[in-house]
Full PDB file with SEQRES, HELIX, SHEET, SSBOND, CRYST1, ORIGX, SCALE, CONECT and MASTER records, all heavy atoms in Angstrom:
SEQRES   1 A   30  ALA ALA PRO ALA GLY ARG VAL PRO GLY PRO PRO TYR ALA          
SEQRES   2 A   30  ASP CYS LEU GLU CYS GLY LYS PRO THR GLU TYR GLY VAL          
SEQRES   3 A   30  ALA THR PRO GLY                                              
SHEET    1 AA1 2 TYR A  12  ASP A  14  0                                        
SHEET    2 AA1 2 PRO A  21  GLY A  25 -1                                        
CRYST1    1.000    1.000    1.000  90.00  90.00  90.00 P 1           1          
ORIGX1      1.000000  0.000000  0.000000        0.00000                         
ORIGX2      0.000000  1.000000  0.000000        0.00000                         
ORIGX3      0.000000  0.000000  1.000000        0.00000                         
SCALE1      1.000000  0.000000  0.000000        0.00000                         
SCALE2      0.000000  1.000000  0.000000        0.00000                         
SCALE3      0.000000  0.000000  1.000000        0.00000                         
ATOM      1  N   ALA A   1       0.844  -1.195   0.000  1.00  0.00           N  
ATOM      2  CA  ALA A   1       0.000   0.000   0.000  1.00  0.00           C  
ATOM      3  C   ALA A   1       0.880   1.246   0.000  1.00  0.00           C  
ATOM      4  O   ALA A   1       1.959   1.259   0.564  1.00  0.00           O  
ATOM      5  CB  ALA A   1      -0.901  -0.002   1.222  1.00  0.00           C  
ATOM      6  N   ALA A   2       0.381   2.277  -0.630  1.00  0.00           N  
ATOM      7  CA  ALA A   2       1.115   3.540  -0.650  1.00  0.00           C  
ATOM      8  C   ALA A   2       1.105   4.147   0.747  1.00  0.00           C  
ATOM      9  O   ALA A   2       0.093   4.072   1.447  1.00  0.00           O  
ATOM     10  CB  ALA A   2       0.468   4.503  -1.635  1.00  0.00           C  
ATOM     11  N   PRO A   3       2.221   4.716   1.183  1.00  0.00           N  
ATOM     12  CA  PRO A   3       2.240   5.312   2.516  1.00  0.00           C  
ATOM     13  C   PRO A   3       1.264   6.488   2.596  1.00  0.00           C  
ATOM     14  O   PRO A   3       1.089   7.219   1.626  1.00  0.00           O  
ATOM     15  CB  PRO A   3       3.678   5.770   2.696  1.00  0.00           C  
ATOM     16  CG  PRO A   3       4.242   5.835   1.328  1.00  0.00           C  
ATOM     17  CD  PRO A   3       3.469   4.867   0.481  1.00  0.00           C  
ATOM     18  N   ALA A   4       0.658   6.639   3.741  1.00  0.00           N  
ATOM     19  CA  ALA A   4      -0.277   7.745   3.942  1.00  0.00           C  
ATOM     20  C   ALA A   4       0.503   9.052   4.009  1.00  0.00           C  
ATOM     21  O   ALA A   4       1.581   9.116   4.582  1.00  0.00           O  
ATOM     22  CB  ALA A   4      -1.062   7.540   5.223  1.00  0.00           C  
ATOM     23  N   GLY A   5      -0.055  10.075   3.413  1.00  0.00           N  
ATOM     24  CA  GLY A   5       0.621  11.364   3.411  1.00  0.00           C  
ATOM     25  C   GLY A   5       0.322  12.163   4.670  1.00  0.00           C  
ATOM     26  O   GLY A   5      -0.565  11.837   5.449  1.00  0.00           O  
ATOM     27  N   ARG A   6       1.082  13.202   4.849  1.00  0.00           N  
ATOM     28  CA  ARG A   6       0.857  14.083   5.993  1.00  0.00           C  
ATOM     29  C   ARG A   6      -0.412  14.894   5.734  1.00  0.00           C  
ATOM     30  O   ARG A   6      -0.723  15.230   4.599  1.00  0.00           O  
ATOM     31  CB  ARG A   6       2.068  14.978   6.180  1.00  0.00           C  
ATOM     32  CG  ARG A   6       3.271  14.176   6.651  1.00  0.00           C  
ATOM     33  CD  ARG A   6       4.526  15.046   6.721  1.00  0.00           C  
ATOM     34  NE  ARG A   6       5.595  14.368   7.403  1.00  0.00           N  
ATOM     35  CZ  ARG A   6       6.400  13.482   6.834  1.00  0.00           C  
ATOM     36  NH1 ARG A   6       6.256  13.162   5.571  1.00  0.00           N  
ATOM     37  NH2 ARG A   6       7.358  12.900   7.528  1.00  0.00           N  
ATOM     38  N   VAL A   7      -1.110  15.223   6.789  1.00  0.00           N  
ATOM     39  CA  VAL A   7      -2.355  15.973   6.653  1.00  0.00           C  
ATOM     40  C   VAL A   7      -2.096  17.452   6.958  1.00  0.00           C  
ATOM     41  O   VAL A   7      -1.203  17.785   7.739  1.00  0.00           O  
ATOM     42  CB  VAL A   7      -3.448  15.408   7.590  1.00  0.00           C  
ATOM     43  CG1 VAL A   7      -3.833  14.019   7.168  1.00  0.00           C  
ATOM     44  CG2 VAL A   7      -3.026  15.413   9.031  1.00  0.00           C  
ATOM     45  N   PRO A   8      -2.877  18.365   6.336  1.00  0.00           N  
ATOM     46  CA  PRO A   8      -2.627  19.789   6.520  1.00  0.00           C  
ATOM     47  C   PRO A   8      -3.046  20.342   7.879  1.00  0.00           C  
ATOM     48  O   PRO A   8      -2.582  21.387   8.291  1.00  0.00           O  
ATOM     49  CB  PRO A   8      -3.427  20.436   5.404  1.00  0.00           C  
ATOM     50  CG  PRO A   8      -4.503  19.462   5.091  1.00  0.00           C  
ATOM     51  CD  PRO A   8      -3.927  18.109   5.366  1.00  0.00           C  
ATOM     52  N   GLY A   9      -3.951  19.668   8.581  1.00  0.00           N  
ATOM     53  CA  GLY A   9      -4.404  20.224   9.852  1.00  0.00           C  
ATOM     54  C   GLY A   9      -4.896  19.156  10.803  1.00  0.00           C  
ATOM     55  O   GLY A   9      -4.915  17.987  10.478  1.00  0.00           O  
ATOM     56  N   PRO A  10      -5.297  19.575  12.030  1.00  0.00           N  
ATOM     57  CA  PRO A  10      -5.747  18.625  13.050  1.00  0.00           C  
ATOM     58  C   PRO A  10      -6.994  17.879  12.592  1.00  0.00           C  
ATOM     59  O   PRO A  10      -7.670  18.336  11.680  1.00  0.00           O  
ATOM     60  CB  PRO A  10      -6.036  19.498  14.256  1.00  0.00           C  
ATOM     61  CG  PRO A  10      -5.566  20.860  13.953  1.00  0.00           C  
ATOM     62  CD  PRO A  10      -5.312  20.941  12.492  1.00  0.00           C  
ATOM     63  N   PRO A  11      -7.341  16.777  13.173  1.00  0.00           N  
ATOM     64  CA  PRO A  11      -6.725  16.149  14.330  1.00  0.00           C  
ATOM     65  C   PRO A  11      -5.531  15.288  13.927  1.00  0.00           C  
ATOM     66  O   PRO A  11      -5.574  14.584  12.922  1.00  0.00           O  
ATOM     67  CB  PRO A  11      -7.841  15.282  14.914  1.00  0.00           C  
ATOM     68  CG  PRO A  11      -8.663  14.905  13.740  1.00  0.00           C  
ATOM     69  CD  PRO A  11      -8.583  16.090  12.793  1.00  0.00           C  
ATOM     70  N   TYR A  12      -4.474  15.387  14.691  1.00  0.00           N  
ATOM     71  CA  TYR A  12      -3.267  14.612  14.447  1.00  0.00           C  
ATOM     72  C   TYR A  12      -3.256  13.378  15.344  1.00  0.00           C  
ATOM     73  O   TYR A  12      -3.729  13.414  16.477  1.00  0.00           O  
ATOM     74  CB  TYR A  12      -2.017  15.441  14.736  1.00  0.00           C  
ATOM     75  CG  TYR A  12      -1.841  16.613  13.801  1.00  0.00           C  
ATOM     76  CD1 TYR A  12      -1.907  17.916  14.267  1.00  0.00           C  
ATOM     77  CD2 TYR A  12      -1.598  16.403  12.452  1.00  0.00           C  
ATOM     78  CE1 TYR A  12      -1.735  18.988  13.410  1.00  0.00           C  
ATOM     79  CE2 TYR A  12      -1.435  17.474  11.590  1.00  0.00           C  
ATOM     80  CZ  TYR A  12      -1.503  18.761  12.070  1.00  0.00           C  
ATOM     81  OH  TYR A  12      -1.338  19.815  11.226  1.00  0.00           O  
ATOM     82  N   ALA A  13      -2.673  12.302  14.843  1.00  0.00           N  
ATOM     83  CA  ALA A  13      -2.529  11.087  15.644  1.00  0.00           C  
ATOM     84  C   ALA A  13      -1.375  11.261  16.617  1.00  0.00           C  
ATOM     85  O   ALA A  13      -0.442  12.019  16.364  1.00  0.00           O  
ATOM     86  CB  ALA A  13      -2.258   9.894  14.732  1.00  0.00           C  
ATOM     87  N   ASP A  14      -1.444  10.565  17.745  1.00  0.00           N  
ATOM     88  CA  ASP A  14      -0.363  10.592  18.723  1.00  0.00           C  
ATOM     89  C   ASP A  14       0.689   9.548  18.364  1.00  0.00           C  
ATOM     90  O   ASP A  14       0.366   8.474  17.864  1.00  0.00           O  
ATOM     91  CB  ASP A  14      -0.889  10.309  20.127  1.00  0.00           C  
ATOM     92  CG  ASP A  14      -1.771  11.433  20.646  1.00  0.00           C  
ATOM     93  OD1 ASP A  14      -1.594  12.580  20.195  1.00  0.00           O  
ATOM     94  OD2 ASP A  14      -2.634  11.157  21.495  1.00  0.00           O  
ATOM     95  N   CYS A  15       1.950   9.864  18.621  1.00  0.00           N  
ATOM     96  CA  CYS A  15       3.058   8.943  18.387  1.00  0.00           C  
ATOM     97  C   CYS A  15       2.892   7.726  19.286  1.00  0.00           C  
ATOM     98  O   CYS A  15       2.560   7.843  20.464  1.00  0.00           O  
ATOM     99  CB  CYS A  15       4.382   9.644  18.691  1.00  0.00           C  
ATOM    100  SG  CYS A  15       5.832   8.582  18.518  1.00  0.00           S  
ATOM    101  N   LEU A  16       3.131   6.556  18.740  1.00  0.00           N  
ATOM    102  CA  LEU A  16       2.976   5.332  19.514  1.00  0.00           C  
ATOM    103  C   LEU A  16       4.116   5.107  20.494  1.00  0.00           C  
ATOM    104  O   LEU A  16       3.986   4.316  21.418  1.00  0.00           O  
ATOM    105  CB  LEU A  16       2.856   4.126  18.582  1.00  0.00           C  
ATOM    106  CG  LEU A  16       1.583   4.093  17.733  1.00  0.00           C  
ATOM    107  CD1 LEU A  16       1.609   2.923  16.788  1.00  0.00           C  
ATOM    108  CD2 LEU A  16       0.368   4.059  18.608  1.00  0.00           C  
ATOM    109  N   GLU A  17       5.241   5.796  20.313  1.00  0.00           N  
ATOM    110  CA  GLU A  17       6.377   5.613  21.219  1.00  0.00           C  
ATOM    111  C   GLU A  17       6.442   6.672  22.312  1.00  0.00           C  
ATOM    112  O   GLU A  17       6.650   6.353  23.472  1.00  0.00           O  
ATOM    113  CB  GLU A  17       7.686   5.577  20.426  1.00  0.00           C  
ATOM    114  CG  GLU A  17       7.811   4.311  19.608  1.00  0.00           C  
ATOM    115  CD  GLU A  17       9.189   4.147  18.988  1.00  0.00           C  
ATOM    116  OE1 GLU A  17      10.131   4.856  19.389  1.00  0.00           O  
ATOM    117  OE2 GLU A  17       9.307   3.299  18.102  1.00  0.00           O  
ATOM    118  N   CYS A  18       6.268   7.944  21.937  1.00  0.00           N  
ATOM    119  CA  CYS A  18       6.428   9.000  22.948  1.00  0.00           C  
ATOM    120  C   CYS A  18       5.128   9.722  23.281  1.00  0.00           C  
ATOM    121  O   CYS A  18       5.078  10.444  24.265  1.00  0.00           O  
ATOM    122  CB  CYS A  18       7.488  10.002  22.488  1.00  0.00           C  
ATOM    123  SG  CYS A  18       6.976  11.012  21.081  1.00  0.00           S  
ATOM    124  N   GLY A  19       4.090   9.580  22.481  1.00  0.00           N  
ATOM    125  CA  GLY A  19       2.802  10.201  22.762  1.00  0.00           C  
ATOM    126  C   GLY A  19       2.635  11.617  22.254  1.00  0.00           C  
ATOM    127  O   GLY A  19       1.579  12.210  22.399  1.00  0.00           O  
ATOM    128  N   LYS A  20       3.677  12.184  21.623  1.00  0.00           N  
ATOM    129  CA  LYS A  20       3.577  13.537  21.087  1.00  0.00           C  
ATOM    130  C   LYS A  20       2.775  13.516  19.788  1.00  0.00           C  
ATOM    131  O   LYS A  20       2.688  12.490  19.117  1.00  0.00           O  
ATOM    132  CB  LYS A  20       4.971  14.102  20.832  1.00  0.00           C  
ATOM    133  CG  LYS A  20       5.753  14.325  22.102  1.00  0.00           C  
ATOM    134  CD  LYS A  20       7.107  14.926  21.800  1.00  0.00           C  
ATOM    135  CE  LYS A  20       7.884  15.123  23.104  1.00  0.00           C  
ATOM    136  NZ  LYS A  20       9.235  15.619  22.843  1.00  0.00           N  
ATOM    137  N   PRO A  21       2.191  14.655  19.392  1.00  0.00           N  
ATOM    138  CA  PRO A  21       1.439  14.711  18.126  1.00  0.00           C  
ATOM    139  C   PRO A  21       2.353  14.433  16.933  1.00  0.00           C  
ATOM    140  O   PRO A  21       3.527  14.799  16.940  1.00  0.00           O  
ATOM    141  CB  PRO A  21       0.908  16.139  18.073  1.00  0.00           C  
ATOM    142  CG  PRO A  21       1.036  16.673  19.441  1.00  0.00           C  
ATOM    143  CD  PRO A  21       2.126  15.908  20.120  1.00  0.00           C  
ATOM    144  N   THR A  22       1.807  13.766  15.926  1.00  0.00           N  
ATOM    145  CA  THR A  22       2.570  13.459  14.719  1.00  0.00           C  
ATOM    146  C   THR A  22       2.111  14.361  13.585  1.00  0.00           C  
ATOM    147  O   THR A  22       1.273  15.243  13.788  1.00  0.00           O  
ATOM    148  CB  THR A  22       2.338  11.996  14.302  1.00  0.00           C  
ATOM    149  OG1 THR A  22       0.982  11.848  13.911  1.00  0.00           O  
ATOM    150  CG2 THR A  22       2.657  11.034  15.423  1.00  0.00           C  
ATOM    151  N   GLU A  23       2.648  14.141  12.396  1.00  0.00           N  
ATOM    152  CA  GLU A  23       2.234  14.888  11.213  1.00  0.00           C  
ATOM    153  C   GLU A  23       1.167  14.135  10.436  1.00  0.00           C  
ATOM    154  O   GLU A  23       0.792  14.544   9.350  1.00  0.00           O  
ATOM    155  CB  GLU A  23       3.450  15.131  10.321  1.00  0.00           C  
ATOM    156  CG  GLU A  23       4.519  15.965  11.001  1.00  0.00           C  
ATOM    157  CD  GLU A  23       5.772  16.087  10.167  1.00  0.00           C  
ATOM    158  OE1 GLU A  23       5.949  15.307   9.216  1.00  0.00           O  
ATOM    159  OE2 GLU A  23       6.588  16.955  10.479  1.00  0.00           O  
ATOM    160  N   TYR A  24       0.675  13.035  10.987  1.00  0.00           N  
ATOM    161  CA  TYR A  24      -0.305  12.189  10.314  1.00  0.00           C  
ATOM    162  C   TYR A  24      -1.671  12.326  10.966  1.00  0.00           C  
ATOM    163  O   TYR A  24      -1.783  12.598  12.156  1.00  0.00           O  
ATOM    164  CB  TYR A  24       0.142  10.727  10.367  1.00  0.00           C  
ATOM    165  CG  TYR A  24       1.483  10.501   9.724  1.00  0.00           C  
ATOM    166  CD1 TYR A  24       2.636  10.391  10.488  1.00  0.00           C  
ATOM    167  CD2 TYR A  24       1.601  10.424   8.340  1.00  0.00           C  
ATOM    168  CE1 TYR A  24       3.865  10.195   9.896  1.00  0.00           C  
ATOM    169  CE2 TYR A  24       2.836  10.234   7.740  1.00  0.00           C  
ATOM    170  CZ  TYR A  24       3.963  10.123   8.524  1.00  0.00           C  
ATOM    171  OH  TYR A  24       5.176   9.935   7.941  1.00  0.00           O  
ATOM    172  N   GLY A  25      -2.707  12.107  10.184  1.00  0.00           N  
ATOM    173  CA  GLY A  25      -4.067  12.194  10.699  1.00  0.00           C  
ATOM    174  C   GLY A  25      -4.423  11.002  11.571  1.00  0.00           C  
ATOM    175  O   GLY A  25      -3.758   9.961  11.543  1.00  0.00           O  
ATOM    176  N   VAL A  26      -5.487  11.148  12.353  1.00  0.00           N  
ATOM    177  CA  VAL A  26      -5.893  10.077  13.260  1.00  0.00           C  
ATOM    178  C   VAL A  26      -6.380   8.841  12.498  1.00  0.00           C  
ATOM    179  O   VAL A  26      -6.373   7.751  13.047  1.00  0.00           O  
ATOM    180  CB  VAL A  26      -6.989  10.551  14.250  1.00  0.00           C  
ATOM    181  CG1 VAL A  26      -6.427  11.578  15.198  1.00  0.00           C  
ATOM    182  CG2 VAL A  26      -8.193  11.073  13.520  1.00  0.00           C  
ATOM    183  N   ALA A  27      -6.776   8.987  11.248  1.00  0.00           N  
ATOM    184  CA  ALA A  27      -7.269   7.857  10.464  1.00  0.00           C  
ATOM    185  C   ALA A  27      -6.144   7.104   9.748  1.00  0.00           C  
ATOM    186  O   ALA A  27      -6.413   6.165   9.008  1.00  0.00           O  
ATOM    187  CB  ALA A  27      -8.291   8.340   9.438  1.00  0.00           C  
ATOM    188  N   THR A  28      -4.893   7.488   9.951  1.00  0.00           N  
ATOM    189  CA  THR A  28      -3.765   6.842   9.295  1.00  0.00           C  
ATOM    190  C   THR A  28      -3.575   5.437   9.847  1.00  0.00           C  
ATOM    191  O   THR A  28      -3.422   5.262  11.055  1.00  0.00           O  
ATOM    192  CB  THR A  28      -2.470   7.645   9.511  1.00  0.00           C  
ATOM    193  OG1 THR A  28      -2.678   8.971   9.052  1.00  0.00           O  
ATOM    194  CG2 THR A  28      -1.298   7.025   8.763  1.00  0.00           C  
ATOM    195  N   PRO A  29      -3.594   4.401   8.981  1.00  0.00           N  
ATOM    196  CA  PRO A  29      -3.411   3.034   9.469  1.00  0.00           C  
ATOM    197  C   PRO A  29      -1.946   2.726   9.768  1.00  0.00           C  
ATOM    198  O   PRO A  29      -1.044   3.400   9.273  1.00  0.00           O  
ATOM    199  CB  PRO A  29      -3.906   2.180   8.299  1.00  0.00           C  
ATOM    200  CG  PRO A  29      -3.663   3.021   7.095  1.00  0.00           C  
ATOM    201  CD  PRO A  29      -3.847   4.448   7.552  1.00  0.00           C  
ATOM    202  N   GLY A  30      -1.724   1.722  10.583  1.00  0.00           N  
ATOM    203  CA  GLY A  30      -0.368   1.263  10.869  1.00  0.00           C  
ATOM    204  C   GLY A  30       0.291   2.019  12.005  1.00  0.00           C  
ATOM    205  O   GLY A  30      -0.344   2.760  12.751  1.00  0.00           O  
TER     206      GLY A  30                                                      
MASTER        0    0    0    0    2    0    0    6  205    1    0    3          
END                                                                             
């Protein structure tokens, strides 16, 4: 599958390792 792109605005998903906001949307799989 093609990697999901960065989204222009919130809501952002939280990092699975540190919990900080990422550049990816909450609907990003994986």
